[in-house]
Amino acid sequence: MSDWKNLVRDVPDFPKTGVGFKDIMPVLADADAFADAIDALAAPWRDARIDAVMAIEARGFLLGAPLARTFGCGVVPVRKPGKLPGPVLEARYALEYGEDALQVQADAVAPGARVLLVDDVLATGGTLAAARALADGLGAEIVGASVLMELAFLGGRSRWNGTAPLHAAWTIAG
C-alpha cells in the first residue's frame, strides 16, 4: 500500500494570492497511489447500495469515475455553468476567493436514487453544499459524501447539513 498522501503537493498563491492549492496530480500519475486513494474514498461505502456517484468538477470527475466503477453504478457530472446540454438545475455558492455555481442535468438521476457526492477537497464547504442542494433538487437520496482531503482548519464540514455521513480520506488539521 502506497502512502499517497506524501505525493500531494502544496502550491502557494494558486489560483489567487493567499490561497494554498492542494495538487493531487502526482497522486493520479502514480498507479499504486491512485488505486490506494480510490480505495480510501470507497472504504466507508462498500456495503451501501449506491445508484450513482455525483462527481464535482473538475478533479472530482477523476475520482468519481473510478468510484462509480468500483460500486457498479453510473457517474453524474456536476459541472460549472454552460457545460451541460438540456434543462439543468443550478446552485450558487461562495468560494474562499469569490463566487461560482454548479449545474446538473435535470434528469441526471431518478427521484429516490441513492447518490454519493464526491470531490477532491473540502475547504470552506460551499462546493459540496451546492452539490448537495442539486442532489436534493433532483429528489435523490444522499447516501453521503466522500472527499479525498478535508482542510479542517477552514471549517467546511460545518456546512454539511443533514444526517448523511461525510467521509474524508485524509483530514489536514492546519
N, C-alpha and C. Protein backbone atom coordinates (compact mmCIF):
# COMPACT_ATOMS: atom_id res chain seq x y z
N MET A 1 0.84 -1.19 0.00
CA MET A 1 0.00 0.00 0.00
C MET A 1 0.89 1.25 0.00
N SER A 2 0.64 2.15 -0.93
CA SER A 2 1.44 3.37 -1.04
C SER A 2 0.97 4.40 -0.01
N ASP A 3 1.81 5.37 0.24
CA ASP A 3 1.39 6.49 1.07
C ASP A 3 1.08 7.65 0.13
N TRP A 4 -0.09 7.60 -0.48
CA TRP A 4 -0.50 8.58 -1.49
C TRP A 4 -0.48 10.01 -0.95
N LYS A 5 -0.67 10.16 0.34
CA LYS A 5 -0.71 11.50 0.94
C LYS A 5 0.61 12.25 0.76
N ASN A 6 1.72 11.50 0.73
CA ASN A 6 3.03 12.13 0.56
C ASN A 6 3.24 12.70 -0.84
N LEU A 7 2.39 12.32 -1.78
CA LEU A 7 2.53 12.80 -3.15
C LEU A 7 1.76 14.10 -3.41
N VAL A 8 0.86 14.47 -2.51
CA VAL A 8 0.09 15.70 -2.68
C VAL A 8 1.05 16.89 -2.49
N ARG A 9 1.01 17.81 -3.47
CA ARG A 9 1.90 18.97 -3.42
C ARG A 9 1.13 20.21 -2.98
N ASP A 10 1.78 21.06 -2.20
CA ASP A 10 1.22 22.36 -1.84
C ASP A 10 1.73 23.40 -2.84
N VAL A 11 0.78 24.13 -3.42
CA VAL A 11 1.13 25.19 -4.36
C VAL A 11 0.62 26.51 -3.78
N PRO A 12 1.52 27.37 -3.31
CA PRO A 12 1.07 28.63 -2.71
C PRO A 12 0.55 29.61 -3.76
N ASP A 13 -0.39 30.44 -3.33
CA ASP A 13 -0.92 31.54 -4.14
C ASP A 13 -1.50 31.08 -5.48
N PHE A 14 -2.23 29.96 -5.45
CA PHE A 14 -2.91 29.47 -6.65
C PHE A 14 -4.30 29.01 -6.25
N PRO A 15 -5.33 29.40 -6.95
CA PRO A 15 -5.35 30.18 -8.19
C PRO A 15 -5.27 31.68 -7.97
N LYS A 16 -5.29 32.11 -6.70
CA LYS A 16 -5.16 33.53 -6.38
C LYS A 16 -4.23 33.69 -5.19
N THR A 17 -3.69 34.88 -5.05
CA THR A 17 -2.81 35.19 -3.92
C THR A 17 -3.51 34.89 -2.60
N GLY A 18 -2.80 34.19 -1.73
CA GLY A 18 -3.34 33.86 -0.42
C GLY A 18 -4.00 32.50 -0.34
N VAL A 19 -4.25 31.86 -1.48
CA VAL A 19 -4.88 30.55 -1.50
C VAL A 19 -3.79 29.49 -1.61
N GLY A 20 -3.85 28.47 -0.76
CA GLY A 20 -2.93 27.34 -0.83
C GLY A 20 -3.59 26.18 -1.53
N PHE A 21 -3.13 25.84 -2.72
CA PHE A 21 -3.73 24.82 -3.57
C PHE A 21 -3.12 23.45 -3.26
N LYS A 22 -3.96 22.44 -3.14
CA LYS A 22 -3.50 21.07 -2.94
C LYS A 22 -3.52 20.37 -4.30
N ASP A 23 -2.34 20.09 -4.83
CA ASP A 23 -2.18 19.48 -6.16
C ASP A 23 -2.15 17.96 -6.04
N ILE A 24 -3.21 17.31 -6.55
CA ILE A 24 -3.29 15.84 -6.47
C ILE A 24 -2.78 15.16 -7.75
N MET A 25 -2.29 15.93 -8.72
CA MET A 25 -1.85 15.32 -9.98
C MET A 25 -0.76 14.27 -9.79
N PRO A 26 0.20 14.46 -8.87
CA PRO A 26 1.19 13.39 -8.66
C PRO A 26 0.55 12.09 -8.13
N VAL A 27 -0.52 12.20 -7.38
CA VAL A 27 -1.24 11.01 -6.90
C VAL A 27 -1.87 10.30 -8.08
N LEU A 28 -2.51 11.06 -8.97
CA LEU A 28 -3.17 10.47 -10.13
C LEU A 28 -2.18 9.83 -11.09
N ALA A 29 -0.97 10.37 -11.15
CA ALA A 29 0.05 9.87 -12.07
C ALA A 29 0.72 8.59 -11.60
N ASP A 30 0.56 8.24 -10.35
CA ASP A 30 1.16 7.04 -9.76
C ASP A 30 0.08 5.98 -9.61
N ALA A 31 0.18 4.89 -10.35
CA ALA A 31 -0.89 3.88 -10.39
C ALA A 31 -1.22 3.33 -9.00
N ASP A 32 -0.20 3.01 -8.21
CA ASP A 32 -0.45 2.46 -6.88
C ASP A 32 -1.07 3.49 -5.95
N ALA A 33 -0.55 4.71 -5.98
CA ALA A 33 -1.10 5.77 -5.14
C ALA A 33 -2.54 6.08 -5.52
N PHE A 34 -2.82 6.14 -6.81
CA PHE A 34 -4.17 6.42 -7.29
C PHE A 34 -5.12 5.33 -6.82
N ALA A 35 -4.73 4.08 -6.97
CA ALA A 35 -5.58 2.96 -6.52
C ALA A 35 -5.84 3.03 -5.02
N ASP A 36 -4.80 3.36 -4.25
CA ASP A 36 -4.97 3.46 -2.80
C ASP A 36 -5.86 4.63 -2.41
N ALA A 37 -5.76 5.74 -3.13
CA ALA A 37 -6.61 6.89 -2.85
C ALA A 37 -8.08 6.54 -3.15
N ILE A 38 -8.32 5.85 -4.25
CA ILE A 38 -9.69 5.44 -4.59
C ILE A 38 -10.22 4.47 -3.54
N ASP A 39 -9.39 3.53 -3.11
CA ASP A 39 -9.80 2.60 -2.05
C ASP A 39 -10.15 3.34 -0.76
N ALA A 40 -9.37 4.37 -0.42
CA ALA A 40 -9.64 5.15 0.79
C ALA A 40 -10.96 5.92 0.67
N LEU A 41 -11.27 6.42 -0.52
CA LEU A 41 -12.54 7.11 -0.74
C LEU A 41 -13.72 6.15 -0.66
N ALA A 42 -13.53 4.94 -1.16
CA ALA A 42 -14.61 3.96 -1.26
C ALA A 42 -14.89 3.22 0.04
N ALA A 43 -13.91 3.13 0.92
CA ALA A 43 -13.99 2.25 2.09
C ALA A 43 -15.30 2.33 2.88
N PRO A 44 -15.79 3.51 3.26
CA PRO A 44 -17.00 3.53 4.10
C PRO A 44 -18.28 3.15 3.37
N TRP A 45 -18.22 3.09 2.06
CA TRP A 45 -19.44 2.91 1.27
C TRP A 45 -19.54 1.54 0.63
N ARG A 46 -18.62 0.65 0.92
CA ARG A 46 -18.57 -0.67 0.27
C ARG A 46 -19.86 -1.47 0.44
N ASP A 47 -20.55 -1.32 1.56
CA ASP A 47 -21.78 -2.08 1.80
C ASP A 47 -23.04 -1.26 1.51
N ALA A 48 -22.88 -0.06 1.05
CA ALA A 48 -24.03 0.79 0.73
C ALA A 48 -24.48 0.49 -0.70
N ARG A 49 -25.75 0.58 -0.93
CA ARG A 49 -26.26 0.44 -2.30
C ARG A 49 -26.26 1.84 -2.89
N ILE A 50 -25.39 2.06 -3.86
CA ILE A 50 -25.26 3.37 -4.49
C ILE A 50 -25.70 3.24 -5.94
N ASP A 51 -26.64 4.12 -6.34
CA ASP A 51 -27.15 4.11 -7.71
C ASP A 51 -26.33 5.02 -8.62
N ALA A 52 -25.71 6.05 -8.08
CA ALA A 52 -24.92 6.97 -8.89
C ALA A 52 -23.94 7.73 -8.01
N VAL A 53 -22.79 8.00 -8.59
CA VAL A 53 -21.80 8.88 -7.97
C VAL A 53 -21.94 10.23 -8.65
N MET A 54 -22.22 11.26 -7.86
CA MET A 54 -22.27 12.62 -8.38
C MET A 54 -20.90 13.25 -8.15
N ALA A 55 -20.13 13.38 -9.24
CA ALA A 55 -18.75 13.83 -9.18
C ALA A 55 -18.67 15.32 -9.53
N ILE A 56 -18.01 16.08 -8.66
CA ILE A 56 -17.96 17.53 -8.76
C ILE A 56 -16.75 17.97 -9.58
N GLU A 57 -17.01 18.88 -10.52
CA GLU A 57 -15.99 19.40 -11.42
C GLU A 57 -14.84 20.02 -10.65
N ALA A 58 -13.65 19.90 -11.14
CA ALA A 58 -13.21 19.05 -12.23
C ALA A 58 -12.45 17.84 -11.70
N ARG A 59 -11.70 18.04 -10.64
CA ARG A 59 -10.91 16.92 -10.13
C ARG A 59 -11.79 15.84 -9.52
N GLY A 60 -12.99 16.19 -9.11
CA GLY A 60 -13.93 15.19 -8.63
C GLY A 60 -14.30 14.18 -9.71
N PHE A 61 -14.25 14.61 -10.99
CA PHE A 61 -14.52 13.67 -12.09
C PHE A 61 -13.50 12.55 -12.09
N LEU A 62 -12.24 12.92 -11.84
CA LEU A 62 -11.15 11.95 -11.89
C LEU A 62 -11.24 10.93 -10.76
N LEU A 63 -11.91 11.29 -9.69
CA LEU A 63 -12.10 10.39 -8.55
C LEU A 63 -13.45 9.69 -8.64
N GLY A 64 -14.45 10.39 -9.11
CA GLY A 64 -15.80 9.84 -9.16
C GLY A 64 -15.97 8.72 -10.16
N ALA A 65 -15.32 8.82 -11.32
CA ALA A 65 -15.47 7.77 -12.33
C ALA A 65 -14.95 6.41 -11.84
N PRO A 66 -13.74 6.32 -11.28
CA PRO A 66 -13.31 5.01 -10.78
C PRO A 66 -14.13 4.54 -9.58
N LEU A 67 -14.65 5.47 -8.78
CA LEU A 67 -15.53 5.06 -7.68
C LEU A 67 -16.82 4.45 -8.22
N ALA A 68 -17.39 5.07 -9.24
CA ALA A 68 -18.60 4.52 -9.85
C ALA A 68 -18.33 3.12 -10.38
N ARG A 69 -17.20 2.93 -11.00
CA ARG A 69 -16.81 1.60 -11.48
C ARG A 69 -16.70 0.62 -10.32
N THR A 70 -16.11 1.05 -9.23
CA THR A 70 -15.96 0.22 -8.04
C THR A 70 -17.33 -0.22 -7.51
N PHE A 71 -18.29 0.70 -7.51
CA PHE A 71 -19.61 0.41 -6.96
C PHE A 71 -20.57 -0.19 -7.98
N GLY A 72 -20.16 -0.27 -9.25
CA GLY A 72 -21.03 -0.82 -10.28
C GLY A 72 -22.23 0.07 -10.58
N CYS A 73 -21.99 1.39 -10.58
CA CYS A 73 -23.07 2.33 -10.84
C CYS A 73 -22.61 3.38 -11.85
N GLY A 74 -23.49 4.29 -12.17
CA GLY A 74 -23.15 5.36 -13.10
C GLY A 74 -22.52 6.54 -12.38
N VAL A 75 -21.97 7.44 -13.20
CA VAL A 75 -21.39 8.67 -12.68
C VAL A 75 -22.14 9.85 -13.29
N VAL A 76 -22.45 10.84 -12.46
CA VAL A 76 -23.18 12.03 -12.88
C VAL A 76 -22.26 13.22 -12.71
N PRO A 77 -21.92 13.91 -13.79
CA PRO A 77 -21.07 15.09 -13.65
C PRO A 77 -21.83 16.29 -13.10
N VAL A 78 -21.25 16.93 -12.11
CA VAL A 78 -21.76 18.18 -11.55
C VAL A 78 -20.78 19.24 -12.06
N ARG A 79 -21.28 20.12 -12.95
CA ARG A 79 -20.40 20.98 -13.74
C ARG A 79 -20.60 22.46 -13.49
N LYS A 80 -19.64 23.23 -13.98
CA LYS A 80 -19.74 24.69 -13.99
C LYS A 80 -20.81 25.07 -15.02
N PRO A 81 -21.41 26.24 -14.91
CA PRO A 81 -22.46 26.66 -15.83
C PRO A 81 -22.02 26.65 -17.30
N GLY A 82 -22.98 26.29 -18.14
CA GLY A 82 -22.76 26.32 -19.59
C GLY A 82 -22.08 25.10 -20.16
N LYS A 83 -21.86 24.06 -19.38
CA LYS A 83 -21.13 22.88 -19.86
C LYS A 83 -22.05 21.69 -20.15
N LEU A 84 -23.31 21.75 -19.72
CA LEU A 84 -24.23 20.63 -19.88
C LEU A 84 -25.39 21.02 -20.79
N PRO A 85 -25.79 20.12 -21.70
CA PRO A 85 -26.93 20.40 -22.56
C PRO A 85 -28.25 20.12 -21.85
N GLY A 86 -29.32 20.67 -22.42
CA GLY A 86 -30.65 20.39 -21.92
C GLY A 86 -30.98 21.16 -20.67
N PRO A 87 -32.14 20.88 -20.11
CA PRO A 87 -32.54 21.56 -18.86
C PRO A 87 -31.58 21.17 -17.73
N VAL A 88 -31.21 22.16 -16.92
CA VAL A 88 -30.30 21.92 -15.80
C VAL A 88 -30.86 22.56 -14.54
N LEU A 89 -30.41 22.05 -13.42
CA LEU A 89 -30.62 22.70 -12.13
C LEU A 89 -29.32 23.41 -11.79
N GLU A 90 -29.41 24.54 -11.08
CA GLU A 90 -28.22 25.30 -10.73
C GLU A 90 -28.24 25.66 -9.25
N ALA A 91 -27.06 25.64 -8.65
CA ALA A 91 -26.88 26.09 -7.26
C ALA A 91 -25.66 26.99 -7.21
N ARG A 92 -25.81 28.17 -6.62
CA ARG A 92 -24.70 29.12 -6.47
C ARG A 92 -24.05 28.92 -5.10
N TYR A 93 -22.77 29.26 -5.01
CA TYR A 93 -22.05 29.10 -3.75
C TYR A 93 -20.88 30.07 -3.68
N ALA A 94 -20.43 30.32 -2.45
CA ALA A 94 -19.29 31.20 -2.22
C ALA A 94 -18.02 30.36 -2.11
N LEU A 95 -16.96 30.86 -2.68
CA LEU A 95 -15.62 30.26 -2.55
C LEU A 95 -14.82 31.08 -1.55
N GLU A 96 -13.67 30.54 -1.15
CA GLU A 96 -12.81 31.33 -0.28
C GLU A 96 -12.23 32.53 -1.02
N TYR A 97 -12.36 32.53 -2.36
CA TYR A 97 -11.82 33.62 -3.16
C TYR A 97 -12.81 34.14 -4.20
N GLY A 98 -14.12 34.00 -3.97
CA GLY A 98 -15.10 34.52 -4.92
C GLY A 98 -16.42 33.79 -4.83
N GLU A 99 -17.15 33.78 -5.95
CA GLU A 99 -18.44 33.11 -6.03
C GLU A 99 -18.50 32.31 -7.32
N ASP A 100 -19.28 31.21 -7.32
CA ASP A 100 -19.41 30.39 -8.50
C ASP A 100 -20.75 29.67 -8.46
N ALA A 101 -20.97 28.78 -9.41
CA ALA A 101 -22.21 28.00 -9.46
C ALA A 101 -21.89 26.62 -10.01
N LEU A 102 -22.76 25.68 -9.70
CA LEU A 102 -22.69 24.32 -10.25
C LEU A 102 -24.03 23.99 -10.87
N GLN A 103 -23.99 23.11 -11.86
CA GLN A 103 -25.21 22.65 -12.51
C GLN A 103 -25.17 21.14 -12.67
N VAL A 104 -26.37 20.57 -12.78
CA VAL A 104 -26.53 19.16 -13.09
C VAL A 104 -27.72 19.05 -14.04
N GLN A 105 -27.69 18.08 -14.94
CA GLN A 105 -28.83 17.89 -15.83
C GLN A 105 -30.05 17.51 -15.02
N ALA A 106 -31.18 18.09 -15.38
CA ALA A 106 -32.41 17.93 -14.61
C ALA A 106 -32.91 16.49 -14.55
N ASP A 107 -32.48 15.66 -15.48
CA ASP A 107 -32.89 14.25 -15.50
C ASP A 107 -31.72 13.31 -15.21
N ALA A 108 -30.71 13.80 -14.50
CA ALA A 108 -29.49 13.03 -14.27
C ALA A 108 -29.72 11.75 -13.49
N VAL A 109 -30.61 11.78 -12.52
CA VAL A 109 -30.98 10.58 -11.75
C VAL A 109 -32.47 10.61 -11.50
N ALA A 110 -33.03 9.44 -11.31
CA ALA A 110 -34.46 9.34 -11.00
C ALA A 110 -34.69 9.75 -9.54
N PRO A 111 -35.84 10.33 -9.25
CA PRO A 111 -36.15 10.63 -7.85
C PRO A 111 -36.03 9.36 -7.00
N GLY A 112 -35.42 9.50 -5.83
CA GLY A 112 -35.21 8.37 -4.94
C GLY A 112 -33.91 7.63 -5.17
N ALA A 113 -33.18 7.96 -6.24
CA ALA A 113 -31.89 7.31 -6.49
C ALA A 113 -30.94 7.60 -5.33
N ARG A 114 -30.18 6.59 -4.97
CA ARG A 114 -29.21 6.73 -3.87
C ARG A 114 -27.88 7.21 -4.45
N VAL A 115 -27.46 8.43 -4.05
CA VAL A 115 -26.26 9.02 -4.63
C VAL A 115 -25.19 9.28 -3.58
N LEU A 116 -23.95 9.20 -4.04
CA LEU A 116 -22.78 9.56 -3.25
C LEU A 116 -22.14 10.76 -3.92
N LEU A 117 -21.94 11.84 -3.18
CA LEU A 117 -21.26 13.02 -3.69
C LEU A 117 -19.76 12.84 -3.51
N VAL A 118 -18.98 13.22 -4.53
CA VAL A 118 -17.53 13.02 -4.48
C VAL A 118 -16.81 14.26 -4.98
N ASP A 119 -15.79 14.67 -4.22
CA ASP A 119 -14.93 15.77 -4.63
C ASP A 119 -13.52 15.51 -4.12
N ASP A 120 -12.60 16.33 -4.58
CA ASP A 120 -11.21 16.15 -4.17
C ASP A 120 -10.92 16.79 -2.82
N VAL A 121 -11.36 18.05 -2.63
CA VAL A 121 -11.01 18.78 -1.41
C VAL A 121 -12.26 19.41 -0.80
N LEU A 122 -12.40 19.26 0.50
CA LEU A 122 -13.40 20.00 1.27
C LEU A 122 -12.65 21.14 1.94
N ALA A 123 -12.92 22.36 1.48
CA ALA A 123 -12.28 23.55 2.06
C ALA A 123 -13.31 24.30 2.89
N THR A 124 -13.94 25.31 2.32
CA THR A 124 -14.94 26.08 3.06
C THR A 124 -16.32 25.45 3.01
N GLY A 125 -16.50 24.45 2.18
CA GLY A 125 -17.75 23.69 2.13
C GLY A 125 -18.78 24.17 1.14
N GLY A 126 -18.53 25.27 0.44
CA GLY A 126 -19.50 25.82 -0.49
C GLY A 126 -19.80 24.91 -1.66
N THR A 127 -18.77 24.33 -2.25
CA THR A 127 -18.96 23.46 -3.41
C THR A 127 -19.77 22.24 -3.03
N LEU A 128 -19.43 21.60 -1.93
CA LEU A 128 -20.15 20.41 -1.50
C LEU A 128 -21.59 20.74 -1.12
N ALA A 129 -21.80 21.89 -0.49
CA ALA A 129 -23.16 22.31 -0.14
C ALA A 129 -23.99 22.54 -1.40
N ALA A 130 -23.38 23.12 -2.43
CA ALA A 130 -24.10 23.35 -3.70
C ALA A 130 -24.44 22.01 -4.36
N ALA A 131 -23.50 21.07 -4.36
CA ALA A 131 -23.77 19.76 -4.94
C ALA A 131 -24.89 19.04 -4.17
N ARG A 132 -24.87 19.20 -2.86
CA ARG A 132 -25.94 18.61 -2.04
C ARG A 132 -27.29 19.22 -2.40
N ALA A 133 -27.34 20.53 -2.60
CA ALA A 133 -28.58 21.19 -2.99
C ALA A 133 -29.06 20.67 -4.34
N LEU A 134 -28.14 20.42 -5.25
CA LEU A 134 -28.52 19.87 -6.56
C LEU A 134 -29.08 18.46 -6.42
N ALA A 135 -28.43 17.63 -5.62
CA ALA A 135 -28.94 16.27 -5.39
C ALA A 135 -30.34 16.32 -4.77
N ASP A 136 -30.52 17.21 -3.80
CA ASP A 136 -31.84 17.39 -3.20
C ASP A 136 -32.85 17.83 -4.25
N GLY A 137 -32.44 18.75 -5.13
CA GLY A 137 -33.32 19.24 -6.19
C GLY A 137 -33.74 18.16 -7.17
N LEU A 138 -32.88 17.16 -7.34
CA LEU A 138 -33.20 16.03 -8.20
C LEU A 138 -34.12 15.02 -7.51
N GLY A 139 -34.31 15.18 -6.21
CA GLY A 139 -35.10 14.22 -5.45
C GLY A 139 -34.32 12.98 -5.09
N ALA A 140 -32.99 13.07 -5.14
CA ALA A 140 -32.14 11.93 -4.82
C ALA A 140 -32.06 11.72 -3.31
N GLU A 141 -31.76 10.50 -2.93
CA GLU A 141 -31.45 10.18 -1.54
C GLU A 141 -29.94 10.23 -1.41
N ILE A 142 -29.43 11.13 -0.59
CA ILE A 142 -27.99 11.29 -0.44
C ILE A 142 -27.48 10.28 0.58
N VAL A 143 -26.69 9.33 0.09
CA VAL A 143 -26.09 8.31 0.95
C VAL A 143 -25.00 8.96 1.81
N GLY A 144 -24.27 9.90 1.21
CA GLY A 144 -23.20 10.59 1.91
C GLY A 144 -22.32 11.31 0.92
N ALA A 145 -21.17 11.75 1.42
CA ALA A 145 -20.18 12.41 0.59
C ALA A 145 -18.81 11.88 0.96
N SER A 146 -17.94 11.81 -0.06
CA SER A 146 -16.58 11.35 0.16
C SER A 146 -15.63 12.33 -0.52
N VAL A 147 -14.67 12.84 0.24
CA VAL A 147 -13.66 13.75 -0.30
C VAL A 147 -12.28 13.17 -0.03
N LEU A 148 -11.37 13.46 -0.94
CA LEU A 148 -10.01 12.95 -0.77
C LEU A 148 -9.32 13.63 0.42
N MET A 149 -9.49 14.96 0.51
CA MET A 149 -8.84 15.72 1.57
C MET A 149 -9.82 16.71 2.18
N GLU A 150 -9.76 16.84 3.48
CA GLU A 150 -10.51 17.87 4.18
C GLU A 150 -9.54 18.83 4.84
N LEU A 151 -9.66 20.10 4.51
CA LEU A 151 -8.85 21.14 5.13
C LEU A 151 -9.63 21.62 6.35
N ALA A 152 -9.50 20.89 7.45
CA ALA A 152 -10.33 21.09 8.63
C ALA A 152 -10.25 22.51 9.18
N PHE A 153 -9.10 23.14 9.04
CA PHE A 153 -8.90 24.49 9.58
C PHE A 153 -9.78 25.53 8.88
N LEU A 154 -10.39 25.19 7.74
CA LEU A 154 -11.28 26.11 7.04
C LEU A 154 -12.75 25.93 7.43
N GLY A 155 -13.05 24.89 8.19
CA GLY A 155 -14.38 24.72 8.74
C GLY A 155 -15.49 24.31 7.79
N GLY A 156 -15.15 23.77 6.64
CA GLY A 156 -16.16 23.41 5.65
C GLY A 156 -17.15 22.35 6.09
N ARG A 157 -16.74 21.48 6.98
CA ARG A 157 -17.64 20.41 7.46
C ARG A 157 -18.89 20.99 8.10
N SER A 158 -18.79 22.18 8.67
CA SER A 158 -19.94 22.78 9.34
C SER A 158 -21.07 23.12 8.36
N ARG A 159 -20.77 23.19 7.07
CA ARG A 159 -21.79 23.49 6.06
C ARG A 159 -22.46 22.23 5.53
N TRP A 160 -22.01 21.06 5.98
CA TRP A 160 -22.60 19.80 5.56
C TRP A 160 -23.83 19.54 6.43
N ASN A 161 -25.01 19.89 5.94
CA ASN A 161 -26.25 19.77 6.70
C ASN A 161 -26.88 18.40 6.50
N GLY A 162 -27.60 17.95 7.48
CA GLY A 162 -28.34 16.71 7.34
C GLY A 162 -27.70 15.55 8.08
N THR A 163 -28.25 14.39 7.83
CA THR A 163 -27.82 13.21 8.57
C THR A 163 -26.88 12.31 7.79
N ALA A 164 -26.72 12.53 6.49
CA ALA A 164 -25.83 11.67 5.69
C ALA A 164 -24.38 11.89 6.13
N PRO A 165 -23.60 10.80 6.20
CA PRO A 165 -22.21 10.93 6.63
C PRO A 165 -21.33 11.64 5.60
N LEU A 166 -20.29 12.27 6.10
CA LEU A 166 -19.27 12.91 5.29
C LEU A 166 -17.94 12.26 5.64
N HIS A 167 -17.31 11.66 4.63
CA HIS A 167 -16.05 10.94 4.82
C HIS A 167 -14.91 11.69 4.14
N ALA A 168 -13.83 11.91 4.87
CA ALA A 168 -12.61 12.46 4.30
C ALA A 168 -11.53 11.37 4.39
N ALA A 169 -10.94 11.03 3.26
CA ALA A 169 -9.87 10.04 3.26
C ALA A 169 -8.65 10.55 4.02
N TRP A 170 -8.49 11.87 4.06
CA TRP A 170 -7.36 12.49 4.76
C TRP A 170 -7.84 13.82 5.31
N THR A 171 -7.70 14.02 6.60
CA THR A 171 -8.04 15.30 7.24
C THR A 171 -6.77 16.03 7.59
N ILE A 172 -6.66 17.26 7.09
CA ILE A 172 -5.48 18.09 7.34
C ILE A 172 -5.89 19.14 8.36
N ALA A 173 -5.29 19.08 9.54
CA ALA A 173 -5.73 19.93 10.65
C ALA A 173 -5.29 21.39 10.47
N GLY A 174 -4.14 21.63 9.95
CA GLY A 174 -3.70 23.02 9.85
C GLY A 174 -2.57 23.23 8.91
